[in-house]
Amino acid sequence: MTHFVTDKCIKCKHTDCVEVCPVDCFYEGSNMLVINPDECIDCGVCIPECPVDAIVTDDAVKNILDLEDSRLTDEQKTFKMFYNINIEYSGKWPNITVRKDPLDTAEEYKDKKDKALYFSENIE
């Protein structure tokens, strides 16, 4: 089991989680973070550090990864998409190990739903 970052991180990008990670498995894009699942040791110390609850275990997707999207709920589709985004972009974005200030948009977007449309492939 591993952890991954969901769309709740988008436009917030709190980085409190990176300071507590013992294996430095977080990677930084322009408006969110991702976790490299091959590096994550499933310790869970990052989960309570995220003020927007953007980090979840892969239990949220393990039973749906092989299912066609037409059989999934919207929430399951989003989890599956962001699980795959974590895998892909942890191999493209730079590693982050030191806390930074959240984005200027963090307060405005902290409670917004369905933030996937704001996902950016760009590096900071």
PDB file of N, CA and C in Angstrom:
ATOM      1  N   MET A   1       0.845  -1.178   0.000  1.00  0.00           N
ATOM      2  CA  MET A   1       0.000   0.000   0.000  1.00  0.00           C
ATOM      3  C   MET A   1       0.891   1.242   0.000  1.00  0.00           C
ATOM      4  N   THR A   2       0.390   2.280  -0.604  1.00  0.00           N
ATOM      5  CA  THR A   2       1.112   3.556  -0.675  1.00  0.00           C
ATOM      6  C   THR A   2       0.107   4.692  -0.520  1.00  0.00           C
ATOM      7  N   HIS A   3       0.575   5.883  -0.612  1.00  0.00           N
ATOM      8  CA  HIS A   3      -0.275   7.059  -0.519  1.00  0.00           C
ATOM      9  C   HIS A   3      -0.194   7.843  -1.811  1.00  0.00           C
ATOM     10  N   PHE A   4      -1.199   8.681  -2.046  1.00  0.00           N
ATOM     11  CA  PHE A   4      -1.142   9.561  -3.202  1.00  0.00           C
ATOM     12  C   PHE A   4      -1.903  10.841  -2.902  1.00  0.00           C
ATOM     13  N   VAL A   5      -1.627  11.866  -3.708  1.00  0.00           N
ATOM     14  CA  VAL A   5      -2.207  13.188  -3.524  1.00  0.00           C
ATOM     15  C   VAL A   5      -3.367  13.346  -4.501  1.00  0.00           C
ATOM     16  N   THR A   6      -4.491  13.827  -4.003  1.00  0.00           N
ATOM     17  CA  THR A   6      -5.689  14.002  -4.818  1.00  0.00           C
ATOM     18  C   THR A   6      -5.815  15.441  -5.318  1.00  0.00           C
ATOM     19  N   ASP A   7      -6.888  15.691  -6.035  1.00  0.00           N
ATOM     20  CA  ASP A   7      -7.130  17.028  -6.583  1.00  0.00           C
ATOM     21  C   ASP A   7      -7.355  18.088  -5.514  1.00  0.00           C
ATOM     22  N   LYS A   8      -7.561  17.693  -4.269  1.00  0.00           N
ATOM     23  CA  LYS A   8      -7.738  18.683  -3.202  1.00  0.00           C
ATOM     24  C   LYS A   8      -6.501  19.564  -3.019  1.00  0.00           C
ATOM     25  N   CYS A   9      -5.358  19.083  -3.463  1.00  0.00           N
ATOM     26  CA  CYS A   9      -4.103  19.834  -3.344  1.00  0.00           C
ATOM     27  C   CYS A   9      -4.012  20.969  -4.360  1.00  0.00           C
ATOM     28  N   ILE A  10      -4.705  20.831  -5.464  1.00  0.00           N
ATOM     29  CA  ILE A  10      -4.597  21.796  -6.560  1.00  0.00           C
ATOM     30  C   ILE A  10      -4.989  23.203  -6.100  1.00  0.00           C
ATOM     31  N   LYS A  11      -4.148  24.148  -6.460  1.00  0.00           N
ATOM     32  CA  LYS A  11      -4.307  25.571  -6.154  1.00  0.00           C
ATOM     33  C   LYS A  11      -4.161  25.886  -4.666  1.00  0.00           C
ATOM     34  N   CYS A  12      -3.776  24.893  -3.885  1.00  0.00           N
ATOM     35  CA  CYS A  12      -3.467  25.101  -2.469  1.00  0.00           C
ATOM     36  C   CYS A  12      -1.971  24.867  -2.244  1.00  0.00           C
ATOM     37  N   LYS A  13      -1.540  23.650  -2.512  1.00  0.00           N
ATOM     38  CA  LYS A  13      -0.145  23.218  -2.419  1.00  0.00           C
ATOM     39  C   LYS A  13       0.502  23.575  -1.087  1.00  0.00           C
ATOM     40  N   HIS A  14      -0.140  23.111  -0.028  1.00  0.00           N
ATOM     41  CA  HIS A  14       0.495  23.197   1.284  1.00  0.00           C
ATOM     42  C   HIS A  14       1.637  22.186   1.275  1.00  0.00           C
ATOM     43  N   THR A  15       2.736  22.519   1.876  1.00  0.00           N
ATOM     44  CA  THR A  15       3.888  21.627   1.827  1.00  0.00           C
ATOM     45  C   THR A  15       4.327  21.141   3.203  1.00  0.00           C
ATOM     46  N   ASP A  16       3.450  21.217   4.167  1.00  0.00           N
ATOM     47  CA  ASP A  16       3.764  20.735   5.508  1.00  0.00           C
ATOM     48  C   ASP A  16       4.139  19.246   5.470  1.00  0.00           C
ATOM     49  N   CYS A  17       3.534  18.526   4.552  1.00  0.00           N
ATOM     50  CA  CYS A  17       3.733  17.086   4.419  1.00  0.00           C
ATOM     51  C   CYS A  17       5.163  16.718   4.050  1.00  0.00           C
ATOM     52  N   VAL A  18       5.827  17.548   3.264  1.00  0.00           N
ATOM     53  CA  VAL A  18       7.159  17.182   2.781  1.00  0.00           C
ATOM     54  C   VAL A  18       8.196  17.181   3.900  1.00  0.00           C
ATOM     55  N   GLU A  19       7.998  18.008   4.892  1.00  0.00           N
ATOM     56  CA  GLU A  19       8.963  18.068   5.996  1.00  0.00           C
ATOM     57  C   GLU A  19       8.936  16.827   6.880  1.00  0.00           C
ATOM     58  N   VAL A  20       7.804  16.177   6.981  1.00  0.00           N
ATOM     59  CA  VAL A  20       7.714  15.005   7.856  1.00  0.00           C
ATOM     60  C   VAL A  20       7.990  13.698   7.133  1.00  0.00           C
ATOM     61  N   CYS A  21       8.060  13.730   5.821  1.00  0.00           N
ATOM     62  CA  CYS A  21       8.265  12.504   5.042  1.00  0.00           C
ATOM     63  C   CYS A  21       9.681  11.964   5.258  1.00  0.00           C
ATOM     64  N   PRO A  22       9.803  10.747   5.796  1.00  0.00           N
ATOM     65  CA  PRO A  22      11.139  10.208   6.066  1.00  0.00           C
ATOM     66  C   PRO A  22      11.884   9.725   4.823  1.00  0.00           C
ATOM     67  N   VAL A  23      11.184   9.595   3.699  1.00  0.00           N
ATOM     68  CA  VAL A  23      11.841   9.086   2.489  1.00  0.00           C
ATOM     69  C   VAL A  23      11.831  10.094   1.337  1.00  0.00           C
ATOM     70  N   ASP A  24      11.383  11.311   1.598  1.00  0.00           N
ATOM     71  CA  ASP A  24      11.408  12.384   0.582  1.00  0.00           C
ATOM     72  C   ASP A  24      10.778  11.955  -0.738  1.00  0.00           C
ATOM     73  N   CYS A  25       9.526  11.501  -0.678  1.00  0.00           N
ATOM     74  CA  CYS A  25       8.864  10.975  -1.882  1.00  0.00           C
ATOM     75  C   CYS A  25       7.879  11.953  -2.519  1.00  0.00           C
ATOM     76  N   PHE A  26       7.940  13.237  -2.140  1.00  0.00           N
ATOM     77  CA  PHE A  26       7.053  14.248  -2.717  1.00  0.00           C
ATOM     78  C   PHE A  26       7.737  14.972  -3.873  1.00  0.00           C
ATOM     79  N   TYR A  27       6.920  15.310  -4.871  1.00  0.00           N
ATOM     80  CA  TYR A  27       7.400  16.005  -6.063  1.00  0.00           C
ATOM     81  C   TYR A  27       6.472  17.176  -6.336  1.00  0.00           C
ATOM     82  N   GLU A  28       7.048  18.266  -6.864  1.00  0.00           N
ATOM     83  CA  GLU A  28       6.328  19.532  -6.942  1.00  0.00           C
ATOM     84  C   GLU A  28       6.067  19.996  -8.365  1.00  0.00           C
ATOM     85  N   GLY A  29       4.783  20.216  -8.654  1.00  0.00           N
ATOM     86  CA  GLY A  29       4.382  20.862  -9.891  1.00  0.00           C
ATOM     87  C   GLY A  29       4.016  22.302  -9.605  1.00  0.00           C
ATOM     88  N   SER A  30       3.502  22.994 -10.588  1.00  0.00           N
ATOM     89  CA  SER A  30       3.210  24.413 -10.405  1.00  0.00           C
ATOM     90  C   SER A  30       2.057  24.678  -9.446  1.00  0.00           C
ATOM     91  N   ASN A  31       1.074  23.757  -9.383  1.00  0.00           N
ATOM     92  CA  ASN A  31      -0.045  24.032  -8.480  1.00  0.00           C
ATOM     93  C   ASN A  31      -0.465  22.861  -7.606  1.00  0.00           C
ATOM     94  N   MET A  32       0.375  21.832  -7.510  1.00  0.00           N
ATOM     95  CA  MET A  32       0.095  20.726  -6.592  1.00  0.00           C
ATOM     96  C   MET A  32       1.352  19.889  -6.374  1.00  0.00           C
ATOM     97  N   LEU A  33       1.266  18.984  -5.423  1.00  0.00           N
ATOM     98  CA  LEU A  33       2.321  18.018  -5.155  1.00  0.00           C
ATOM     99  C   LEU A  33       1.837  16.630  -5.552  1.00  0.00           C
ATOM    100  N   VAL A  34       2.768  15.715  -5.769  1.00  0.00           N
ATOM    101  CA  VAL A  34       2.446  14.310  -5.975  1.00  0.00           C
ATOM    102  C   VAL A  34       3.410  13.470  -5.149  1.00  0.00           C
ATOM    103  N   ILE A  35       3.053  12.206  -4.956  1.00  0.00           N
ATOM    104  CA  ILE A  35       3.876  11.247  -4.223  1.00  0.00           C
ATOM    105  C   ILE A  35       4.330  10.166  -5.195  1.00  0.00           C
ATOM    106  N   ASN A  36       5.601   9.789  -5.117  1.00  0.00           N
ATOM    107  CA  ASN A  36       6.091   8.674  -5.912  1.00  0.00           C
ATOM    108  C   ASN A  36       5.737   7.387  -5.161  1.00  0.00           C
ATOM    109  N   PRO A  37       4.831   6.561  -5.707  1.00  0.00           N
ATOM    110  CA  PRO A  37       4.389   5.365  -4.988  1.00  0.00           C
ATOM    111  C   PRO A  37       5.481   4.320  -4.815  1.00  0.00           C
ATOM    112  N   ASP A  38       6.521   4.358  -5.653  1.00  0.00           N
ATOM    113  CA  ASP A  38       7.626   3.411  -5.500  1.00  0.00           C
ATOM    114  C   ASP A  38       8.556   3.804  -4.362  1.00  0.00           C
ATOM    115  N   GLU A  39       8.489   5.047  -3.933  1.00  0.00           N
ATOM    116  CA  GLU A  39       9.332   5.535  -2.847  1.00  0.00           C
ATOM    117  C   GLU A  39       8.594   5.601  -1.512  1.00  0.00           C
ATOM    118  N   CYS A  40       7.283   5.755  -1.559  1.00  0.00           N
ATOM    119  CA  CYS A  40       6.467   5.869  -0.342  1.00  0.00           C
ATOM    120  C   CYS A  40       6.549   4.564   0.443  1.00  0.00           C
ATOM    121  N   ILE A  41       6.762   4.680   1.763  1.00  0.00           N
ATOM    122  CA  ILE A  41       6.858   3.490   2.619  1.00  0.00           C
ATOM    123  C   ILE A  41       5.601   3.278   3.456  1.00  0.00           C
ATOM    124  N   ASP A  42       4.540   4.004   3.134  1.00  0.00           N
ATOM    125  CA  ASP A  42       3.252   3.815   3.793  1.00  0.00           C
ATOM    126  C   ASP A  42       3.292   4.081   5.300  1.00  0.00           C
ATOM    127  N   CYS A  43       4.092   5.058   5.702  1.00  0.00           N
ATOM    128  CA  CYS A  43       4.162   5.360   7.135  1.00  0.00           C
ATOM    129  C   CYS A  43       2.970   6.201   7.591  1.00  0.00           C
ATOM    130  N   GLY A  44       2.398   6.995   6.676  1.00  0.00           N
ATOM    131  CA  GLY A  44       1.208   7.772   6.984  1.00  0.00           C
ATOM    132  C   GLY A  44       1.431   9.067   7.736  1.00  0.00           C
ATOM    133  N   VAL A  45       2.671   9.448   8.007  1.00  0.00           N
ATOM    134  CA  VAL A  45       2.897  10.674   8.780  1.00  0.00           C
ATOM    135  C   VAL A  45       2.491  11.931   8.015  1.00  0.00           C
ATOM    136  N   CYS A  46       2.408  11.849   6.708  1.00  0.00           N
ATOM    137  CA  CYS A  46       2.041  13.011   5.895  1.00  0.00           C
ATOM    138  C   CYS A  46       0.548  13.326   5.958  1.00  0.00           C
ATOM    139  N   ILE A  47      -0.274  12.325   6.160  1.00  0.00           N
ATOM    140  CA  ILE A  47      -1.726  12.502   6.083  1.00  0.00           C
ATOM    141  C   ILE A  47      -2.251  13.569   7.043  1.00  0.00           C
ATOM    142  N   PRO A  48      -1.929  13.510   8.333  1.00  0.00           N
ATOM    143  CA  PRO A  48      -2.466  14.536   9.232  1.00  0.00           C
ATOM    144  C   PRO A  48      -1.854  15.916   9.037  1.00  0.00           C
ATOM    145  N   GLU A  49      -0.752  16.013   8.319  1.00  0.00           N
ATOM    146  CA  GLU A  49      -0.103  17.305   8.085  1.00  0.00           C
ATOM    147  C   GLU A  49      -0.817  18.137   7.033  1.00  0.00           C
ATOM    148  N   CYS A  50      -1.610  17.502   6.174  1.00  0.00           N
ATOM    149  CA  CYS A  50      -2.268  18.221   5.090  1.00  0.00           C
ATOM    150  C   CYS A  50      -3.551  18.889   5.594  1.00  0.00           C
ATOM    151  N   PRO A  51      -3.610  20.218   5.575  1.00  0.00           N
ATOM    152  CA  PRO A  51      -4.780  20.915   6.098  1.00  0.00           C
ATOM    153  C   PRO A  51      -6.029  20.811   5.218  1.00  0.00           C
ATOM    154  N   VAL A  52      -5.871  20.291   3.982  1.00  0.00           N
ATOM    155  CA  VAL A  52      -7.036  20.147   3.097  1.00  0.00           C
ATOM    156  C   VAL A  52      -7.372  18.673   2.827  1.00  0.00           C
ATOM    157  N   ASP A  53      -6.748  17.768   3.567  1.00  0.00           N
ATOM    158  CA  ASP A  53      -7.002  16.316   3.441  1.00  0.00           C
ATOM    159  C   ASP A  53      -6.812  15.811   2.018  1.00  0.00           C
ATOM    160  N   ALA A  54      -5.722  16.233   1.387  1.00  0.00           N
ATOM    161  CA  ALA A  54      -5.468  15.866  -0.008  1.00  0.00           C
ATOM    162  C   ALA A  54      -4.720  14.544  -0.162  1.00  0.00           C
ATOM    163  N   ILE A  55      -4.201  13.985   0.923  1.00  0.00           N
ATOM    164  CA  ILE A  55      -3.413  12.756   0.838  1.00  0.00           C
ATOM    165  C   ILE A  55      -4.256  11.589   1.322  1.00  0.00           C
ATOM    166  N   VAL A  56      -4.310  10.549   0.498  1.00  0.00           N
ATOM    167  CA  VAL A  56      -5.094   9.350   0.835  1.00  0.00           C
ATOM    168  C   VAL A  56      -4.260   8.106   0.561  1.00  0.00           C
ATOM    169  N   THR A  57      -4.704   6.978   1.107  1.00  0.00           N
ATOM    170  CA  THR A  57      -4.028   5.708   0.829  1.00  0.00           C
ATOM    171  C   THR A  57      -4.550   5.142  -0.482  1.00  0.00           C
ATOM    172  N   ASP A  58      -3.788   4.253  -1.061  1.00  0.00           N
ATOM    173  CA  ASP A  58      -4.236   3.663  -2.318  1.00  0.00           C
ATOM    174  C   ASP A  58      -5.384   2.672  -2.122  1.00  0.00           C
ATOM    175  N   ASP A  59      -5.824   2.479  -0.891  1.00  0.00           N
ATOM    176  CA  ASP A  59      -7.053   1.699  -0.655  1.00  0.00           C
ATOM    177  C   ASP A  59      -8.223   2.307  -1.415  1.00  0.00           C
ATOM    178  N   ALA A  60      -8.148   3.618  -1.641  1.00  0.00           N
ATOM    179  CA  ALA A  60      -9.218   4.327  -2.351  1.00  0.00           C
ATOM    180  C   ALA A  60      -9.327   3.898  -3.805  1.00  0.00           C
ATOM    181  N   VAL A  61      -8.270   3.275  -4.339  1.00  0.00           N
ATOM    182  CA  VAL A  61      -8.288   2.910  -5.758  1.00  0.00           C
ATOM    183  C   VAL A  61      -7.958   1.455  -6.055  1.00  0.00           C
ATOM    184  N   LYS A  62      -7.456   0.716  -5.078  1.00  0.00           N
ATOM    185  CA  LYS A  62      -6.928  -0.611  -5.408  1.00  0.00           C
ATOM    186  C   LYS A  62      -7.947  -1.544  -6.050  1.00  0.00           C
ATOM    187  N   ASN A  63      -9.215  -1.412  -5.728  1.00  0.00           N
ATOM    188  CA  ASN A  63     -10.235  -2.283  -6.308  1.00  0.00           C
ATOM    189  C   ASN A  63     -10.810  -1.755  -7.622  1.00  0.00           C
ATOM    190  N   ILE A  64     -10.386  -0.563  -8.021  1.00  0.00           N
ATOM    191  CA  ILE A  64     -10.977   0.034  -9.229  1.00  0.00           C
ATOM    192  C   ILE A  64      -9.979   0.276 -10.356  1.00  0.00           C
ATOM    193  N   LEU A  65      -8.701   0.056 -10.109  1.00  0.00           N
ATOM    194  CA  LEU A  65      -7.684   0.381 -11.108  1.00  0.00           C
ATOM    195  C   LEU A  65      -7.880  -0.349 -12.433  1.00  0.00           C
ATOM    196  N   ASP A  66      -8.347  -1.568 -12.377  1.00  0.00           N
ATOM    197  CA  ASP A  66      -8.511  -2.357 -13.600  1.00  0.00           C
ATOM    198  C   ASP A  66      -9.901  -2.263 -14.210  1.00  0.00           C
ATOM    199  N   LEU A  67     -10.798  -1.527 -13.562  1.00  0.00           N
ATOM    200  CA  LEU A  67     -12.155  -1.388 -14.085  1.00  0.00           C
ATOM    201  C   LEU A  67     -12.223  -0.286 -15.127  1.00  0.00           C
ATOM    202  N   GLU A  68     -13.107  -0.463 -16.093  1.00  0.00           N
ATOM    203  CA  GLU A  68     -13.336   0.585 -17.079  1.00  0.00           C
ATOM    204  C   GLU A  68     -14.028   1.765 -16.407  1.00  0.00           C
ATOM    205  N   ASP A  69     -13.699   2.964 -16.869  1.00  0.00           N
ATOM    206  CA  ASP A  69     -14.255   4.173 -16.260  1.00  0.00           C
ATOM    207  C   ASP A  69     -15.777   4.211 -16.310  1.00  0.00           C
ATOM    208  N   SER A  70     -16.375   3.582 -17.303  1.00  0.00           N
ATOM    209  CA  SER A  70     -17.837   3.592 -17.421  1.00  0.00           C
ATOM    210  C   SER A  70     -18.512   2.883 -16.249  1.00  0.00           C
ATOM    211  N   ARG A  71     -17.755   2.083 -15.518  1.00  0.00           N
ATOM    212  CA  ARG A  71     -18.311   1.353 -14.374  1.00  0.00           C
ATOM    213  C   ARG A  71     -18.060   2.063 -13.045  1.00  0.00           C
ATOM    214  N   LEU A  72     -17.419   3.228 -13.095  1.00  0.00           N
ATOM    215  CA  LEU A  72     -17.021   3.926 -11.879  1.00  0.00           C
ATOM    216  C   LEU A  72     -17.889   5.139 -11.604  1.00  0.00           C
ATOM    217  N   THR A  73     -17.973   5.492 -10.322  1.00  0.00           N
ATOM    218  CA  THR A  73     -18.621   6.743  -9.944  1.00  0.00           C
ATOM    219  C   THR A  73     -17.676   7.885 -10.295  1.00  0.00           C
ATOM    220  N   ASP A  74     -18.165   9.101 -10.273  1.00  0.00           N
ATOM    221  CA  ASP A  74     -17.314  10.258 -10.548  1.00  0.00           C
ATOM    222  C   ASP A  74     -16.163  10.350  -9.547  1.00  0.00           C
ATOM    223  N   GLU A  75     -16.438  10.086  -8.284  1.00  0.00           N
ATOM    224  CA  GLU A  75     -15.392  10.135  -7.261  1.00  0.00           C
ATOM    225  C   GLU A  75     -14.327   9.066  -7.534  1.00  0.00           C
ATOM    226  N   GLN A  76     -14.743   7.864  -7.895  1.00  0.00           N
ATOM    227  CA  GLN A  76     -13.792   6.804  -8.206  1.00  0.00           C
ATOM    228  C   GLN A  76     -12.943   7.161  -9.430  1.00  0.00           C
ATOM    229  N   LYS A  77     -13.555   7.767 -10.431  1.00  0.00           N
ATOM    230  CA  LYS A  77     -12.809   8.199 -11.622  1.00  0.00           C
ATOM    231  C   LYS A  77     -11.737   9.217 -11.243  1.00  0.00           C
ATOM    232  N   THR A  78     -12.092  10.152 -10.375  1.00  0.00           N
ATOM    233  CA  THR A  78     -11.135  11.177  -9.952  1.00  0.00           C
ATOM    234  C   THR A  78      -9.988  10.548  -9.167  1.00  0.00           C
ATOM    235  N   PHE A  79     -10.302   9.650  -8.233  1.00  0.00           N
ATOM    236  CA  PHE A  79      -9.250   8.968  -7.472  1.00  0.00           C
ATOM    237  C   PHE A  79      -8.317   8.200  -8.410  1.00  0.00           C
ATOM    238  N   LYS A  80      -8.878   7.467  -9.340  1.00  0.00           N
ATOM    239  CA  LYS A  80      -8.079   6.691 -10.292  1.00  0.00           C
ATOM    240  C   LYS A  80      -7.192   7.612 -11.129  1.00  0.00           C
ATOM    241  N   MET A  81      -7.757   8.713 -11.599  1.00  0.00           N
ATOM    242  CA  MET A  81      -6.993   9.660 -12.403  1.00  0.00           C
ATOM    243  C   MET A  81      -5.824  10.234 -11.604  1.00  0.00           C
ATOM    244  N   PHE A  82      -6.064  10.630 -10.346  1.00  0.00           N
ATOM    245  CA  PHE A  82      -4.995  11.234  -9.565  1.00  0.00           C
ATOM    246  C   PHE A  82      -3.988  10.222  -9.058  1.00  0.00           C
ATOM    247  N   TYR A  83      -4.390   9.002  -8.880  1.00  0.00           N
ATOM    248  CA  TYR A  83      -3.426   7.944  -8.579  1.00  0.00           C
ATOM    249  C   TYR A  83      -2.438   7.841  -9.742  1.00  0.00           C
ATOM    250  N   ASN A  84      -2.952   7.831 -10.957  1.00  0.00           N
ATOM    251  CA  ASN A  84      -2.102   7.759 -12.148  1.00  0.00           C
ATOM    252  C   ASN A  84      -1.280   9.029 -12.354  1.00  0.00           C
ATOM    253  N   ILE A  85      -1.846  10.186 -12.015  1.00  0.00           N
ATOM    254  CA  ILE A  85      -1.096  11.442 -12.090  1.00  0.00           C
ATOM    255  C   ILE A  85       0.096  11.400 -11.140  1.00  0.00           C
ATOM    256  N   ASN A  86      -0.089  10.859  -9.947  1.00  0.00           N
ATOM    257  CA  ASN A  86       1.021  10.747  -8.995  1.00  0.00           C
ATOM    258  C   ASN A  86       2.138   9.880  -9.567  1.00  0.00           C
ATOM    259  N   ILE A  87       1.764   8.773 -10.180  1.00  0.00           N
ATOM    260  CA  ILE A  87       2.772   7.884 -10.777  1.00  0.00           C
ATOM    261  C   ILE A  87       3.528   8.614 -11.888  1.00  0.00           C
ATOM    262  N   GLU A  88       2.796   9.221 -12.800  1.00  0.00           N
ATOM    263  CA  GLU A  88       3.415   9.859 -13.956  1.00  0.00           C
ATOM    264  C   GLU A  88       4.266  11.074 -13.589  1.00  0.00           C
ATOM    265  N   TYR A  89       3.709  11.977 -12.806  1.00  0.00           N
ATOM    266  CA  TYR A  89       4.389  13.248 -12.573  1.00  0.00           C
ATOM    267  C   TYR A  89       5.457  13.183 -11.493  1.00  0.00           C
ATOM    268  N   SER A  90       5.452  12.164 -10.660  1.00  0.00           N
ATOM    269  CA  SER A  90       6.568  12.009  -9.719  1.00  0.00           C
ATOM    270  C   SER A  90       7.840  11.648 -10.483  1.00  0.00           C
ATOM    271  N   GLY A  91       7.688  11.186 -11.717  1.00  0.00           N
ATOM    272  CA  GLY A  91       8.843  10.914 -12.558  1.00  0.00           C
ATOM    273  C   GLY A  91       9.258  12.094 -13.412  1.00  0.00           C
ATOM    274  N   LYS A  92       8.484  13.170 -13.402  1.00  0.00           N
ATOM    275  CA  LYS A  92       8.761  14.339 -14.236  1.00  0.00           C
ATOM    276  C   LYS A  92       9.091  15.590 -13.432  1.00  0.00           C
ATOM    277  N   TRP A  93       8.430  15.754 -12.303  1.00  0.00           N
ATOM    278  CA  TRP A  93       8.591  16.964 -11.509  1.00  0.00           C
ATOM    279  C   TRP A  93       9.763  16.831 -10.544  1.00  0.00           C
ATOM    280  N   PRO A  94      10.302  17.969 -10.072  1.00  0.00           N
ATOM    281  CA  PRO A  94      11.415  17.921  -9.126  1.00  0.00           C
ATOM    282  C   PRO A  94      10.963  17.515  -7.719  1.00  0.00           C
ATOM    283  N   ASN A  95      11.876  16.862  -7.037  1.00  0.00           N
ATOM    284  CA  ASN A  95      11.652  16.451  -5.656  1.00  0.00           C
ATOM    285  C   ASN A  95      11.598  17.689  -4.762  1.00  0.00           C
ATOM    286  N   ILE A  96      10.730  17.644  -3.755  1.00  0.00           N
ATOM    287  CA  ILE A  96      10.642  18.739  -2.780  1.00  0.00           C
ATOM    288  C   ILE A  96      10.775  18.137  -1.387  1.00  0.00           C
ATOM    289  N   THR A  97      11.654  18.723  -0.573  1.00  0.00           N
ATOM    290  CA  THR A  97      11.904  18.195   0.773  1.00  0.00           C
ATOM    291  C   THR A  97      11.790  19.247   1.858  1.00  0.00           C
ATOM    292  N   VAL A  98      11.603  20.493   1.456  1.00  0.00           N
ATOM    293  CA  VAL A  98      11.537  21.598   2.419  1.00  0.00           C
ATOM    294  C   VAL A  98      10.203  22.315   2.270  1.00  0.00           C
ATOM    295  N   ARG A  99       9.608  22.640   3.395  1.00  0.00           N
ATOM    296  CA  ARG A  99       8.325  23.338   3.402  1.00  0.00           C
ATOM    297  C   ARG A  99       8.446  24.712   2.759  1.00  0.00           C
ATOM    298  N   LYS A 100       7.428  25.074   1.998  1.00  0.00           N
ATOM    299  CA  LYS A 100       7.305  26.402   1.395  1.00  0.00           C
ATOM    300  C   LYS A 100       5.942  26.961   1.783  1.00  0.00           C
ATOM    301  N   ASP A 101       5.743  28.226   1.559  1.00  0.00           N
ATOM    302  CA  ASP A 101       4.428  28.818   1.782  1.00  0.00           C
ATOM    303  C   ASP A 101       3.437  28.226   0.785  1.00  0.00           C
ATOM    304  N   PRO A 102       2.174  28.075   1.181  1.00  0.00           N
ATOM    305  CA  PRO A 102       1.168  27.603   0.226  1.00  0.00           C
ATOM    306  C   PRO A 102       0.952  28.640  -0.872  1.00  0.00           C
ATOM    307  N   LEU A 103       0.262  28.243  -1.900  1.00  0.00           N
ATOM    308  CA  LEU A 103      -0.049  29.171  -2.990  1.00  0.00           C
ATOM    309  C   LEU A 103      -0.936  30.307  -2.491  1.00  0.00           C
ATOM    310  N   ASP A 104      -0.874  31.430  -3.155  1.00  0.00           N
ATOM    311  CA  ASP A 104      -1.718  32.580  -2.803  1.00  0.00           C
ATOM    312  C   ASP A 104      -3.206  32.246  -2.932  1.00  0.00           C
ATOM    313  N   THR A 105      -3.524  31.256  -3.721  1.00  0.00           N
ATOM    314  CA  THR A 105      -4.912  30.849  -3.948  1.00  0.00           C
ATOM    315  C   THR A 105      -5.415  29.814  -2.934  1.00  0.00           C
ATOM    316  N   ALA A 106      -4.570  29.406  -2.000  1.00  0.00           N
ATOM    317  CA  ALA A 106      -4.906  28.320  -1.077  1.00  0.00           C
ATOM    318  C   ALA A 106      -6.186  28.569  -0.281  1.00  0.00           C
ATOM    319  N   GLU A 107      -6.314  29.717   0.283  1.00  0.00           N
ATOM    320  CA  GLU A 107      -7.499  30.007   1.099  1.00  0.00           C
ATOM    321  C   GLU A 107      -8.766  30.013   0.243  1.00  0.00           C
ATOM    322  N   GLU A 108      -8.681  30.604  -0.921  1.00  0.00           N
ATOM    323  CA  GLU A 108      -9.830  30.690  -1.825  1.00  0.00           C
ATOM    324  C   GLU A 108     -10.278  29.316  -2.331  1.00  0.00           C
ATOM    325  N   TYR A 109      -9.336  28.401  -2.544  1.00  0.00           N
ATOM    326  CA  TYR A 109      -9.649  27.110  -3.152  1.00  0.00           C
ATOM    327  C   TYR A 109      -9.711  25.939  -2.175  1.00  0.00           C
ATOM    328  N   LYS A 110      -9.465  26.166  -0.893  1.00  0.00           N
ATOM    329  CA  LYS A 110      -9.365  25.053   0.047  1.00  0.00           C
ATOM    330  C   LYS A 110     -10.630  24.197   0.134  1.00  0.00           C
ATOM    331  N   ASP A 111     -11.797  24.772  -0.049  1.00  0.00           N
ATOM    332  CA  ASP A 111     -13.046  24.014   0.070  1.00  0.00           C
ATOM    333  C   ASP A 111     -13.725  23.742  -1.272  1.00  0.00           C
ATOM    334  N   LYS A 112     -13.097  24.152  -2.357  1.00  0.00           N
ATOM    335  CA  LYS A 112     -13.693  23.914  -3.679  1.00  0.00           C
ATOM    336  C   LYS A 112     -13.671  22.429  -3.999  1.00  0.00           C
ATOM    337  N   LYS A 113     -14.696  21.985  -4.675  1.00  0.00           N
ATOM    338  CA  LYS A 113     -14.809  20.594  -5.110  1.00  0.00           C
ATOM    339  C   LYS A 113     -14.389  20.493  -6.571  1.00  0.00           C
ATOM    340  N   ASP A 114     -14.090  19.275  -6.979  1.00  0.00           N
ATOM    341  CA  ASP A 114     -13.798  18.988  -8.387  1.00  0.00           C
ATOM    342  C   ASP A 114     -12.745  19.924  -8.972  1.00  0.00           C
ATOM    343  N   LYS A 115     -11.589  19.952  -8.355  1.00  0.00           N
ATOM    344  CA  LYS A 115     -10.530  20.853  -8.807  1.00  0.00           C
ATOM    345  C   LYS A 115      -9.674  20.245  -9.915  1.00  0.00           C
ATOM    346  N   ALA A 116     -10.016  19.077 -10.403  1.00  0.00           N
ATOM    347  CA  ALA A 116      -9.224  18.410 -11.442  1.00  0.00           C
ATOM    348  C   ALA A 116      -9.063  19.280 -12.685  1.00  0.00           C
ATOM    349  N   LEU A 117     -10.047  20.087 -12.990  1.00  0.00           N
ATOM    350  CA  LEU A 117      -9.968  20.918 -14.193  1.00  0.00           C
ATOM    351  C   LEU A 117      -8.875  21.975 -14.095  1.00  0.00           C
ATOM    352  N   TYR A 118      -8.359  22.207 -12.892  1.00  0.00           N
ATOM    353  CA  TYR A 118      -7.294  23.176 -12.696  1.00  0.00           C
ATOM    354  C   TYR A 118      -5.891  22.533 -12.701  1.00  0.00           C
ATOM    355  N   PHE A 119      -5.839  21.223 -12.884  1.00  0.00           N
ATOM    356  CA  PHE A 119      -4.552  20.533 -12.881  1.00  0.00           C
ATOM    357  C   PHE A 119      -3.632  21.115 -13.946  1.00  0.00           C
ATOM    358  N   SER A 120      -2.375  21.313 -13.592  1.00  0.00           N
ATOM    359  CA  SER A 120      -1.381  21.825 -14.536  1.00  0.00           C
ATOM    360  C   SER A 120      -0.182  20.879 -14.563  1.00  0.00           C
ATOM    361  N   GLU A 121       0.264  20.556 -15.746  1.00  0.00           N
ATOM    362  CA  GLU A 121       1.443  19.709 -15.900  1.00  0.00           C
ATOM    363  C   GLU A 121       2.740  20.475 -15.686  1.00  0.00           C
ATOM    364  N   ASN A 122       2.644  21.774 -15.587  1.00  0.00           N
ATOM    365  CA  ASN A 122       3.832  22.623 -15.499  1.00  0.00           C
ATOM    366  C   ASN A 122       4.596  22.396 -14.205  1.00  0.00           C
ATOM    367  N   ILE A 123       5.873  22.648 -14.294  1.00  0.00           N
ATOM    368  CA  ILE A 123       6.745  22.627 -13.135  1.00  0.00           C
ATOM    369  C   ILE A 123       6.794  24.041 -12.587  1.00  0.00           C
ATOM    370  N   GLU A 124       6.933  24.146 -11.286  1.00  0.00           N
ATOM    371  CA  GLU A 124       6.934  25.479 -10.654  1.00  0.00           C
ATOM    372  C   GLU A 124       7.865  26.435 -11.334  1.00  0.00           C
TER     373      GLU A 124
END
